[in-house]
Amino acid sequence: MRSPRRPTSALLALCALAAILRASHAYSGDAAEHDAGAPVHAGRDSAPAPPPSCAGGTPGADDRCGLGHDDDCCSSLLVPGGTFNRLNDPRYPASVSSFHLDRYLVTVGRFRRYMDEAGGPTQASPPPAGAGAHPKIPDSGWDPSWNTLLPATTAALKQALICDPYGWPTWTDAPAANEDKPIVCATWLELFAFCAWDGGRLPTQAEMNYAAAGGDEQRLYPWGSSPITPDEAAFCCQGDGTSSVPCEGSFPPWNLLHCTTDDLAPVGSFPRGAGRWGQLDLAGEAYKVTRDAADDDRPLVPCIDCSRLDNHAALRVAHGGSFVAPGYRQATTYRAPYETSGRHYYVSAMCARDPPGP
């Protein structure tokens, strides 16, 4: 009598499937135990690969950001979704889904990495169509019609980043003392392109305002409702620690005569001004641009993961005030229009990122 044939292939397939399931179970368990509020890129040994802008470990794009010079410049923190009133005004309710928002403004060092690795945002190396899109907002990614609005070459971009020789641009053609300061003098398009290249996107106006206001806590400032002082933010040209110069009158205030390059501080220099979820410089330093068009003064209503998508708008919404602006402009109740192609020494960006899928 012939011995029964062993189902070798079937047994091997079952063993392989069991191994896959065990590995999948172990990965799922690790993910479930992960602190959702922890920085996405903190801890180089255990975290996923850093965004491209921090992959080189160069100054301003390394693990030496913040007041203690000991934090990941690309750290990105979870902002749990919820509902709140934009500008602390019940006429403008909004709901946002959970997202990550970088702890720090985009630094000179990180922007330099973009230029070194990809040529920067130029007509010769524009973002791909649709890059930097919000996953829940159709047609919110890069519009190829914007390509012609970018500088023609990297050399032209470098020249343009020195936008005001009488102001305080932070870019230098060679790495220098400003690598851990916010990149300024970049256009909205260039900041959009940077965030897309870095694996993120510009936050919507609702997301930026939500993070700064602490969501349903409706904070007047990112840290709460206590009055702003030079301990919480760089504003009124007091980022260097001087606080005797008044500036709450008309803008531009006369205190601009007393501004120095030290008033625009390295990112994260004001931990007392941290927001509810840990982001720094949500007020002061530089205005934070958003995805939204600003051609209408009123926020979009209704708003569930919304953004005002006018790809040909002349103006964009910016939040959070700047190192030269008076205190009231740092509040969560204030927003400012910013030219789509404008260059100013008081405007920068924070990148948003989307949580990993299930």
Foldseek 3Di string as FASTA:
>chain_A
DDDDDDPVVVVVVVVVVVVVVVVVVVVVVVVVPDDQFFWQCWDVVPHPQAFQLQNVCDPLNHQQAAQNGGHHSFTKGKDAWDWAAFLNDVVAIATEHIWIWGQWFRFLSSQVSCCVPQVADALVGHDPPFFQADPVDPPLGDDVVCRVVGHHGSVRVLVQQCPDVVAAAQDDPDDDDRRQFHHFQAFLRRQQRSLRSRQFGFAASVVLLCQQLVHHVRAFGQLHPDADDCLQEQAQLCVLPDGPDDCPDDPPGPSSVVHDNNSLDGINHRQSNAGPSNRGQSAENAWAWGSAAPPDVDDDPPYYPDHHDDVPHQWTKTAHYYNRHDRSRRTSSHIDIDGNSGGDRRHTHITMHGDDDD
